[in-house]
Amino acid sequence: MSSHVKMQLVAFYALLRREIYRVFRIWPQSLLPSVITSTLYFLIFGHVIGERIGTMEGLTYMQFIAPGLVMLASLTNSYSNVSFSFYITKFDKSVENLLVAPISAFSIVMAYVFGGVIRGVFISCLVTLITWLFTGLWPNNIYFCLLVILLATTLVATGGFINGMFANKPDDASIVPIFILAPLTYLGGVFYSITLLAPIWQQVSKFNPILYIVNLLRYGFYGVAHIPIYESLMVLLSLDVVFIATAVWLVVKGVRLKP
């Protein structure tokens, strides 16, 4: 292994360790809210409303929405973790130290992204445990579910990094989750099956990347998929590559980073 590669790995590990430490140092703010929110979703949507809806695709409504709630919690946390963290790095001017240090743009991006991914994966494990407590449902293929969570959180964490680069004030870091991520999530089949939609709206829904994530997670939980698995995986992988390449290019160009 060359000295350059070793140096990049050391720098990557140092940044990643700082991000992980920050998440667990403030765990009441970074981890606990998602546990409470998911519990409320199960109580209100799953128990109260679910009893009136009955079954969906052979499952109780609470079981049906479980994979989507796991996805919702992990994506929201991954995005917010990276967007706010990198915005703070810009705000306190420490980003200038990163730019002059002998660390590649790829290492910078991936360190922040992996920090968000780790938080998202940890949250997904907690929500999966809550799912089991409420529904008795456990993933049929936990390794496949983990793969999907890794790919999905990588996508939104990279989006959070890009959002953090362009943010000029703290409120800017919350614009995308409120006006883009939340609508895509609620229209991505978390609380309903796309088979209930008219054919034209089923086709429109396929432009929503969240739909593919929910589709993959449902397949990992109980083997049901309305979109071919390989198609969903290819969409997710392609978006990951595009977003990471875009983030690295923006750092190389110093967009919104250099005075």
C-alpha atoms as a PDB file:
ATOM      1  CA  MET A   1       0.000   0.000   0.000  1.00  0.00           C
ATOM      2  CA  SER A   2       1.467   3.366  -1.054  1.00  0.00           C
ATOM      3  CA  SER A   3       2.075   6.189   1.410  1.00  0.00           C
ATOM      4  CA  HIS A   4      -0.522   8.319  -0.390  1.00  0.00           C
ATOM      5  CA  VAL A   5      -3.241   5.715   0.102  1.00  0.00           C
ATOM      6  CA  LYS A   6      -2.293   5.287   3.757  1.00  0.00           C
ATOM      7  CA  MET A   7      -2.486   9.049   4.273  1.00  0.00           C
ATOM      8  CA  GLN A   8      -5.958   9.186   2.706  1.00  0.00           C
ATOM      9  CA  LEU A   9      -7.155   6.308   4.890  1.00  0.00           C
ATOM     10  CA  VAL A  10      -5.836   7.996   8.035  1.00  0.00           C
ATOM     11  CA  ALA A  11      -7.538  11.272   7.106  1.00  0.00           C
ATOM     12  CA  PHE A  12     -10.764   9.455   6.241  1.00  0.00           C
ATOM     13  CA  TYR A  13     -10.742   7.579   9.547  1.00  0.00           C
ATOM     14  CA  ALA A  14     -10.064  10.779  11.541  1.00  0.00           C
ATOM     15  CA  LEU A  15     -13.016  12.602   9.950  1.00  0.00           C
ATOM     16  CA  LEU A  16     -15.300   9.583  10.265  1.00  0.00           C
ATOM     17  CA  ARG A  17     -14.397   9.042  13.915  1.00  0.00           C
ATOM     18  CA  ARG A  18     -15.262  12.665  14.663  1.00  0.00           C
ATOM     19  CA  GLU A  19     -18.664  12.282  12.991  1.00  0.00           C
ATOM     20  CA  ILE A  20     -19.451   9.055  14.855  1.00  0.00           C
ATOM     21  CA  TYR A  21     -18.366  10.561  18.174  1.00  0.00           C
ATOM     22  CA  ARG A  22     -20.640  13.566  17.588  1.00  0.00           C
ATOM     23  CA  VAL A  23     -23.661  11.317  16.952  1.00  0.00           C
ATOM     24  CA  PHE A  24     -23.270   9.249  20.100  1.00  0.00           C
ATOM     25  CA  ARG A  25     -22.160  12.160  22.277  1.00  0.00           C
ATOM     26  CA  ILE A  26     -25.560  13.808  21.787  1.00  0.00           C
ATOM     27  CA  TRP A  27     -27.583  10.578  21.546  1.00  0.00           C
ATOM     28  CA  PRO A  28     -30.696  12.030  23.262  1.00  0.00           C
ATOM     29  CA  GLN A  29     -30.996  14.457  20.319  1.00  0.00           C
ATOM     30  CA  SER A  30     -29.635  12.246  17.527  1.00  0.00           C
ATOM     31  CA  LEU A  31     -31.130   8.818  18.322  1.00  0.00           C
ATOM     32  CA  LEU A  32     -34.009   9.059  20.792  1.00  0.00           C
ATOM     33  CA  PRO A  33     -36.409  11.241  18.714  1.00  0.00           C
ATOM     34  CA  SER A  34     -36.632   8.642  15.935  1.00  0.00           C
ATOM     35  CA  VAL A  35     -37.499   5.926  18.438  1.00  0.00           C
ATOM     36  CA  ILE A  36     -40.307   8.061  19.871  1.00  0.00           C
ATOM     37  CA  THR A  37     -41.590   9.110  16.431  1.00  0.00           C
ATOM     38  CA  SER A  38     -41.635   5.529  15.122  1.00  0.00           C
ATOM     39  CA  THR A  39     -43.489   4.377  18.223  1.00  0.00           C
ATOM     40  CA  LEU A  40     -46.124   7.066  17.649  1.00  0.00           C
ATOM     41  CA  TYR A  41     -46.470   6.028  13.993  1.00  0.00           C
ATOM     42  CA  PHE A  42     -47.140   2.446  15.056  1.00  0.00           C
ATOM     43  CA  LEU A  43     -49.624   3.508  17.719  1.00  0.00           C
ATOM     44  CA  ILE A  44     -51.568   5.969  15.555  1.00  0.00           C
ATOM     45  CA  PHE A  45     -51.279   4.702  11.982  1.00  0.00           C
ATOM     46  CA  GLY A  46     -50.742   1.057  12.786  1.00  0.00           C
ATOM     47  CA  HIS A  47     -53.033   0.447  15.732  1.00  0.00           C
ATOM     48  CA  VAL A  48     -55.778   3.094  15.648  1.00  0.00           C
ATOM     49  CA  ILE A  49     -56.145   3.602  11.881  1.00  0.00           C
ATOM     50  CA  GLY A  50     -54.912   0.147  10.959  1.00  0.00           C
ATOM     51  CA  GLU A  51     -57.800  -1.574  12.719  1.00  0.00           C
ATOM     52  CA  ARG A  52     -60.223   0.278  10.439  1.00  0.00           C
ATOM     53  CA  ILE A  53     -58.242  -0.426   7.277  1.00  0.00           C
ATOM     54  CA  GLY A  54     -57.858  -4.136   7.985  1.00  0.00           C
ATOM     55  CA  THR A  55     -55.341  -6.092   5.934  1.00  0.00           C
ATOM     56  CA  MET A  56     -53.245  -5.043   2.959  1.00  0.00           C
ATOM     57  CA  GLU A  57     -51.529  -7.583   0.703  1.00  0.00           C
ATOM     58  CA  GLY A  58     -52.276 -10.316   3.233  1.00  0.00           C
ATOM     59  CA  LEU A  59     -50.673  -8.451   6.139  1.00  0.00           C
ATOM     60  CA  THR A  60     -52.056  -6.340   8.934  1.00  0.00           C
ATOM     61  CA  TYR A  61     -51.745  -2.663   8.147  1.00  0.00           C
ATOM     62  CA  MET A  62     -49.213  -2.271  10.958  1.00  0.00           C
ATOM     63  CA  GLN A  63     -47.022  -4.971   9.416  1.00  0.00           C
ATOM     64  CA  PHE A  64     -47.463  -3.472   5.951  1.00  0.00           C
ATOM     65  CA  ILE A  65     -46.154  -0.022   6.914  1.00  0.00           C
ATOM     66  CA  ALA A  66     -43.281  -1.372   9.059  1.00  0.00           C
ATOM     67  CA  PRO A  67     -40.569  -1.469   6.315  1.00  0.00           C
ATOM     68  CA  GLY A  68     -41.513   2.041   5.219  1.00  0.00           C
ATOM     69  CA  LEU A  69     -41.169   3.355   8.771  1.00  0.00           C
ATOM     70  CA  VAL A  70     -37.726   1.780   9.063  1.00  0.00           C
ATOM     71  CA  MET A  71     -36.785   3.485   5.804  1.00  0.00           C
ATOM     72  CA  LEU A  72     -38.300   6.827   6.850  1.00  0.00           C
ATOM     73  CA  ALA A  73     -36.342   6.972  10.109  1.00  0.00           C
ATOM     74  CA  SER A  74     -33.006   5.931   8.593  1.00  0.00           C
ATOM     75  CA  LEU A  75     -33.187   8.307   5.616  1.00  0.00           C
ATOM     76  CA  THR A  76     -34.260  11.318   7.659  1.00  0.00           C
ATOM     77  CA  ASN A  77     -31.433  10.841  10.138  1.00  0.00           C
ATOM     78  CA  SER A  78     -28.783  10.195   7.504  1.00  0.00           C
ATOM     79  CA  TYR A  79     -29.701  13.335   5.610  1.00  0.00           C
ATOM     80  CA  SER A  80     -29.931  15.683   8.572  1.00  0.00           C
ATOM     81  CA  ASN A  81     -26.724  14.321  10.100  1.00  0.00           C
ATOM     82  CA  VAL A  82     -24.592  15.198   7.080  1.00  0.00           C
ATOM     83  CA  SER A  83     -26.289  18.415   5.976  1.00  0.00           C
ATOM     84  CA  PHE A  84     -26.065  20.095   9.384  1.00  0.00           C
ATOM     85  CA  SER A  85     -22.613  18.719  10.155  1.00  0.00           C
ATOM     86  CA  PHE A  86     -21.087  20.008   6.936  1.00  0.00           C
ATOM     87  CA  TYR A  87     -22.910  23.323   7.237  1.00  0.00           C
ATOM     88  CA  ILE A  88     -21.353  23.802  10.692  1.00  0.00           C
ATOM     89  CA  THR A  89     -17.957  22.964   9.184  1.00  0.00           C
ATOM     90  CA  LYS A  90     -18.505  25.818   6.719  1.00  0.00           C
ATOM     91  CA  PHE A  91     -19.898  28.158   9.368  1.00  0.00           C
ATOM     92  CA  ASP A  92     -16.932  27.848  11.744  1.00  0.00           C
ATOM     93  CA  LYS A  93     -14.486  28.056   8.800  1.00  0.00           C
ATOM     94  CA  SER A  94     -12.901  24.686   9.602  1.00  0.00           C
ATOM     95  CA  VAL A  95     -13.688  23.635   6.032  1.00  0.00           C
ATOM     96  CA  GLU A  96     -10.724  25.792   5.004  1.00  0.00           C
ATOM     97  CA  ASN A  97      -8.440  23.466   6.953  1.00  0.00           C
ATOM     98  CA  LEU A  98      -9.834  20.513   5.016  1.00  0.00           C
ATOM     99  CA  LEU A  99      -9.267  22.219   1.682  1.00  0.00           C
ATOM    100  CA  VAL A 100      -5.592  22.975   2.358  1.00  0.00           C
ATOM    101  CA  ALA A 101      -4.875  19.617   4.004  1.00  0.00           C
ATOM    102  CA  PRO A 102      -3.426  16.768   1.898  1.00  0.00           C
ATOM    103  CA  ILE A 103      -6.754  14.948   1.786  1.00  0.00           C
ATOM    104  CA  SER A 104      -8.649  14.180  -1.401  1.00  0.00           C
ATOM    105  CA  ALA A 105     -12.129  15.459  -2.163  1.00  0.00           C
ATOM    106  CA  PHE A 106     -13.323  11.854  -2.341  1.00  0.00           C
ATOM    107  CA  SER A 107     -12.053  11.136   1.183  1.00  0.00           C
ATOM    108  CA  ILE A 108     -13.769  14.260   2.532  1.00  0.00           C
ATOM    109  CA  VAL A 109     -17.094  13.384   0.930  1.00  0.00           C
ATOM    110  CA  MET A 110     -17.045   9.738   1.944  1.00  0.00           C
ATOM    111  CA  ALA A 111     -16.084  10.486   5.563  1.00  0.00           C
ATOM    112  CA  TYR A 112     -19.113  12.719   6.029  1.00  0.00           C
ATOM    113  CA  VAL A 113     -21.367  10.379   4.057  1.00  0.00           C
ATOM    114  CA  PHE A 114     -20.284   7.326   6.049  1.00  0.00           C
ATOM    115  CA  GLY A 115     -20.964   9.244   9.259  1.00  0.00           C
ATOM    116  CA  GLY A 116     -24.549   9.731   8.081  1.00  0.00           C
ATOM    117  CA  VAL A 117     -24.781   6.122   6.911  1.00  0.00           C
ATOM    118  CA  ILE A 118     -23.691   4.788  10.298  1.00  0.00           C
ATOM    119  CA  ARG A 119     -26.296   6.910  12.073  1.00  0.00           C
ATOM    120  CA  GLY A 120     -28.953   5.765   9.580  1.00  0.00           C
ATOM    121  CA  VAL A 121     -28.063   2.085   9.980  1.00  0.00           C
ATOM    122  CA  PHE A 122     -28.079   2.356  13.767  1.00  0.00           C
ATOM    123  CA  ILE A 123     -31.490   4.060  13.688  1.00  0.00           C
ATOM    124  CA  SER A 124     -32.850   1.401  11.315  1.00  0.00           C
ATOM    125  CA  CYS A 125     -31.770  -1.309  13.763  1.00  0.00           C
ATOM    126  CA  LEU A 126     -33.583   0.452  16.608  1.00  0.00           C
ATOM    127  CA  VAL A 127     -36.761   0.930  14.555  1.00  0.00           C
ATOM    128  CA  THR A 128     -36.615  -2.693  13.357  1.00  0.00           C
ATOM    129  CA  LEU A 129     -36.547  -3.752  17.007  1.00  0.00           C
ATOM    130  CA  ILE A 130     -39.574  -1.544  17.684  1.00  0.00           C
ATOM    131  CA  THR A 131     -41.265  -3.118  14.652  1.00  0.00           C
ATOM    132  CA  TRP A 132     -40.709  -6.564  16.117  1.00  0.00           C
ATOM    133  CA  LEU A 133     -42.101  -5.480  19.495  1.00  0.00           C
ATOM    134  CA  PHE A 134     -45.281  -4.054  17.927  1.00  0.00           C
ATOM    135  CA  THR A 135     -45.909  -6.530  15.107  1.00  0.00           C
ATOM    136  CA  GLY A 136     -43.789  -9.621  15.712  1.00  0.00           C
ATOM    137  CA  LEU A 137     -42.429  -9.021  12.193  1.00  0.00           C
ATOM    138  CA  TRP A 138     -38.741  -9.690  11.569  1.00  0.00           C
ATOM    139  CA  PRO A 139     -36.939  -9.388   8.203  1.00  0.00           C
ATOM    140  CA  ASN A 140     -36.921 -12.599   6.176  1.00  0.00           C
ATOM    141  CA  ASN A 141     -33.532 -11.629   4.766  1.00  0.00           C
ATOM    142  CA  ILE A 142     -31.780  -9.313   7.202  1.00  0.00           C
ATOM    143  CA  TYR A 143     -28.608  -9.144   5.073  1.00  0.00           C
ATOM    144  CA  PHE A 144     -30.575  -7.943   2.065  1.00  0.00           C
ATOM    145  CA  CYS A 145     -32.321  -5.334   4.225  1.00  0.00           C
ATOM    146  CA  LEU A 146     -28.935  -4.146   5.486  1.00  0.00           C
ATOM    147  CA  LEU A 147     -27.672  -3.826   1.897  1.00  0.00           C
ATOM    148  CA  VAL A 148     -30.713  -1.751   0.964  1.00  0.00           C
ATOM    149  CA  ILE A 149     -30.314   0.507   4.008  1.00  0.00           C
ATOM    150  CA  LEU A 150     -26.630   1.025   3.181  1.00  0.00           C
ATOM    151  CA  LEU A 151     -27.396   1.999  -0.416  1.00  0.00           C
ATOM    152  CA  ALA A 152     -30.351   4.190   0.540  1.00  0.00           C
ATOM    153  CA  THR A 153     -28.605   6.056   3.355  1.00  0.00           C
ATOM    154  CA  THR A 154     -25.563   6.586   1.129  1.00  0.00           C
ATOM    155  CA  LEU A 155     -27.843   8.282  -1.401  1.00  0.00           C
ATOM    156  CA  VAL A 156     -29.570  10.652   1.012  1.00  0.00           C
ATOM    157  CA  ALA A 157     -26.411  11.312   3.047  1.00  0.00           C
ATOM    158  CA  THR A 158     -24.657  12.422  -0.138  1.00  0.00           C
ATOM    159  CA  GLY A 159     -27.655  14.613  -0.904  1.00  0.00           C
ATOM    160  CA  GLY A 160     -27.308  16.052   2.594  1.00  0.00           C
ATOM    161  CA  PHE A 161     -23.636  16.795   1.939  1.00  0.00           C
ATOM    162  CA  ILE A 162     -24.527  18.708  -1.230  1.00  0.00           C
ATOM    163  CA  ASN A 163     -27.270  20.573   0.634  1.00  0.00           C
ATOM    164  CA  GLY A 164     -24.765  21.476   3.359  1.00  0.00           C
ATOM    165  CA  MET A 165     -22.390  22.889   0.737  1.00  0.00           C
ATOM    166  CA  PHE A 166     -25.025  25.253  -0.645  1.00  0.00           C
ATOM    167  CA  ALA A 167     -26.577  26.218   2.709  1.00  0.00           C
ATOM    168  CA  ASN A 168     -25.909  29.799   3.796  1.00  0.00           C
ATOM    169  CA  LYS A 169     -27.828  29.609   7.080  1.00  0.00           C
ATOM    170  CA  PRO A 170     -29.125  26.809   9.358  1.00  0.00           C
ATOM    171  CA  ASP A 171     -32.630  27.008   7.884  1.00  0.00           C
ATOM    172  CA  ASP A 172     -31.241  26.227   4.420  1.00  0.00           C
ATOM    173  CA  ALA A 173     -30.126  22.802   5.645  1.00  0.00           C
ATOM    174  CA  SER A 174     -33.747  21.869   6.397  1.00  0.00           C
ATOM    175  CA  ILE A 175     -35.296  23.027   3.110  1.00  0.00           C
ATOM    176  CA  VAL A 176     -34.703  19.795   1.193  1.00  0.00           C
ATOM    177  CA  PRO A 177     -36.005  17.456   3.951  1.00  0.00           C
ATOM    178  CA  ILE A 178     -39.187  19.529   4.307  1.00  0.00           C
ATOM    179  CA  PHE A 179     -39.994  20.355   0.693  1.00  0.00           C
ATOM    180  CA  ILE A 180     -38.447  17.423  -1.200  1.00  0.00           C
ATOM    181  CA  LEU A 181     -37.567  14.424   0.972  1.00  0.00           C
ATOM    182  CA  ALA A 182     -40.781  14.410   3.039  1.00  0.00           C
ATOM    183  CA  PRO A 183     -43.166  14.635   0.035  1.00  0.00           C
ATOM    184  CA  LEU A 184     -41.221  11.968  -1.858  1.00  0.00           C
ATOM    185  CA  THR A 185     -41.388   9.730   1.218  1.00  0.00           C
ATOM    186  CA  TYR A 186     -45.129  10.063   1.760  1.00  0.00           C
ATOM    187  CA  LEU A 187     -45.785   9.619  -1.962  1.00  0.00           C
ATOM    188  CA  GLY A 188     -43.385   6.667  -2.184  1.00  0.00           C
ATOM    189  CA  GLY A 189     -45.757   3.961  -1.015  1.00  0.00           C
ATOM    190  CA  VAL A 190     -44.862   3.962   2.670  1.00  0.00           C
ATOM    191  CA  PHE A 191     -48.498   4.025   3.812  1.00  0.00           C
ATOM    192  CA  TYR A 192     -50.166   2.460   0.766  1.00  0.00           C
ATOM    193  CA  SER A 193     -49.569  -0.010  -2.033  1.00  0.00           C
ATOM    194  CA  ILE A 194     -49.042   1.478  -5.493  1.00  0.00           C
ATOM    195  CA  THR A 195     -51.351  -1.232  -6.829  1.00  0.00           C
ATOM    196  CA  LEU A 196     -54.194   0.866  -5.375  1.00  0.00           C
ATOM    197  CA  LEU A 197     -53.328   3.710  -7.763  1.00  0.00           C
ATOM    198  CA  ALA A 198     -54.605   4.158 -11.298  1.00  0.00           C
ATOM    199  CA  PRO A 199     -52.155   2.835 -13.950  1.00  0.00           C
ATOM    200  CA  ILE A 200     -51.085   6.346 -14.972  1.00  0.00           C
ATOM    201  CA  TRP A 201     -50.173   7.254 -11.380  1.00  0.00           C
ATOM    202  CA  GLN A 202     -48.331   3.973 -10.942  1.00  0.00           C
ATOM    203  CA  GLN A 203     -46.096   4.995 -13.829  1.00  0.00           C
ATOM    204  CA  VAL A 204     -45.626   8.509 -12.430  1.00  0.00           C
ATOM    205  CA  SER A 205     -44.669   6.995  -9.055  1.00  0.00           C
ATOM    206  CA  LYS A 206     -41.741   5.202 -10.712  1.00  0.00           C
ATOM    207  CA  PHE A 207     -39.961   8.565 -11.000  1.00  0.00           C
ATOM    208  CA  ASN A 208     -39.837   8.652  -7.195  1.00  0.00           C
ATOM    209  CA  PRO A 209     -36.589   7.035  -5.912  1.00  0.00           C
ATOM    210  CA  ILE A 210     -38.156   6.425  -2.497  1.00  0.00           C
ATOM    211  CA  LEU A 211     -40.565   3.974  -4.124  1.00  0.00           C
ATOM    212  CA  TYR A 212     -37.667   1.706  -5.102  1.00  0.00           C
ATOM    213  CA  ILE A 213     -36.214   1.790  -1.592  1.00  0.00           C
ATOM    214  CA  VAL A 214     -39.556   0.885  -0.002  1.00  0.00           C
ATOM    215  CA  ASN A 215     -40.036  -1.833  -2.617  1.00  0.00           C
ATOM    216  CA  LEU A 216     -36.660  -3.383  -1.783  1.00  0.00           C
ATOM    217  CA  LEU A 217     -37.201  -3.220   1.972  1.00  0.00           C
ATOM    218  CA  ARG A 218     -40.623  -4.845   1.704  1.00  0.00           C
ATOM    219  CA  TYR A 219     -39.030  -7.617  -0.290  1.00  0.00           C
ATOM    220  CA  GLY A 220     -36.378  -8.053   2.416  1.00  0.00           C
ATOM    221  CA  PHE A 221     -39.002  -8.096   5.173  1.00  0.00           C
ATOM    222  CA  TYR A 222     -41.657 -10.386   3.721  1.00  0.00           C
ATOM    223  CA  GLY A 223     -40.825 -11.197   0.109  1.00  0.00           C
ATOM    224  CA  VAL A 224     -43.327  -8.876  -1.610  1.00  0.00           C
ATOM    225  CA  ALA A 225     -42.186  -6.637  -4.480  1.00  0.00           C
ATOM    226  CA  HIS A 226     -44.170  -4.727  -7.102  1.00  0.00           C
ATOM    227  CA  ILE A 227     -41.085  -3.647  -9.060  1.00  0.00           C
ATOM    228  CA  PRO A 228     -38.403  -6.162 -10.186  1.00  0.00           C
ATOM    229  CA  ILE A 229     -35.662  -6.366  -7.564  1.00  0.00           C
ATOM    230  CA  TYR A 230     -32.782  -5.967  -9.999  1.00  0.00           C
ATOM    231  CA  GLU A 231     -34.432  -2.897 -11.527  1.00  0.00           C
ATOM    232  CA  SER A 232     -34.800  -1.302  -8.089  1.00  0.00           C
ATOM    233  CA  LEU A 233     -31.195  -2.109  -7.163  1.00  0.00           C
ATOM    234  CA  MET A 234     -29.872  -0.678 -10.431  1.00  0.00           C
ATOM    235  CA  VAL A 235     -31.822   2.546  -9.921  1.00  0.00           C
ATOM    236  CA  LEU A 236     -30.472   2.899  -6.394  1.00  0.00           C
ATOM    237  CA  LEU A 237     -26.873   2.099  -7.385  1.00  0.00           C
ATOM    238  CA  SER A 238     -26.990   4.501 -10.325  1.00  0.00           C
ATOM    239  CA  LEU A 239     -28.274   7.338  -8.148  1.00  0.00           C
ATOM    240  CA  ASP A 240     -25.547   6.640  -5.568  1.00  0.00           C
ATOM    241  CA  VAL A 241     -22.832   6.908  -8.221  1.00  0.00           C
ATOM    242  CA  VAL A 242     -24.288  10.112  -9.696  1.00  0.00           C
ATOM    243  CA  PHE A 243     -24.691  11.817  -6.320  1.00  0.00           C
ATOM    244  CA  ILE A 244     -21.219  10.852  -5.054  1.00  0.00           C
ATOM    245  CA  ALA A 245     -19.581  11.951  -8.312  1.00  0.00           C
ATOM    246  CA  THR A 246     -21.453  15.265  -8.132  1.00  0.00           C
ATOM    247  CA  ALA A 247     -20.442  15.870  -4.504  1.00  0.00           C
ATOM    248  CA  VAL A 248     -16.771  15.110  -5.222  1.00  0.00           C
ATOM    249  CA  TRP A 249     -16.796  17.392  -8.274  1.00  0.00           C
ATOM    250  CA  LEU A 250     -18.311  20.232  -6.231  1.00  0.00           C
ATOM    251  CA  VAL A 251     -15.618  19.877  -3.556  1.00  0.00           C
ATOM    252  CA  VAL A 252     -12.855  19.792  -6.181  1.00  0.00           C
ATOM    253  CA  LYS A 253     -14.242  22.999  -7.713  1.00  0.00           C
ATOM    254  CA  GLY A 254     -14.675  24.524  -4.261  1.00  0.00           C
ATOM    255  CA  VAL A 255     -18.282  25.503  -4.907  1.00  0.00           C
ATOM    256  CA  ARG A 256     -19.560  27.613  -1.986  1.00  0.00           C
ATOM    257  CA  LEU A 257     -16.440  26.612  -0.044  1.00  0.00           C
ATOM    258  CA  LYS A 258     -13.738  29.033  -1.147  1.00  0.00           C
ATOM    259  CA  PRO A 259     -13.938  32.689  -0.136  1.00  0.00           C
END
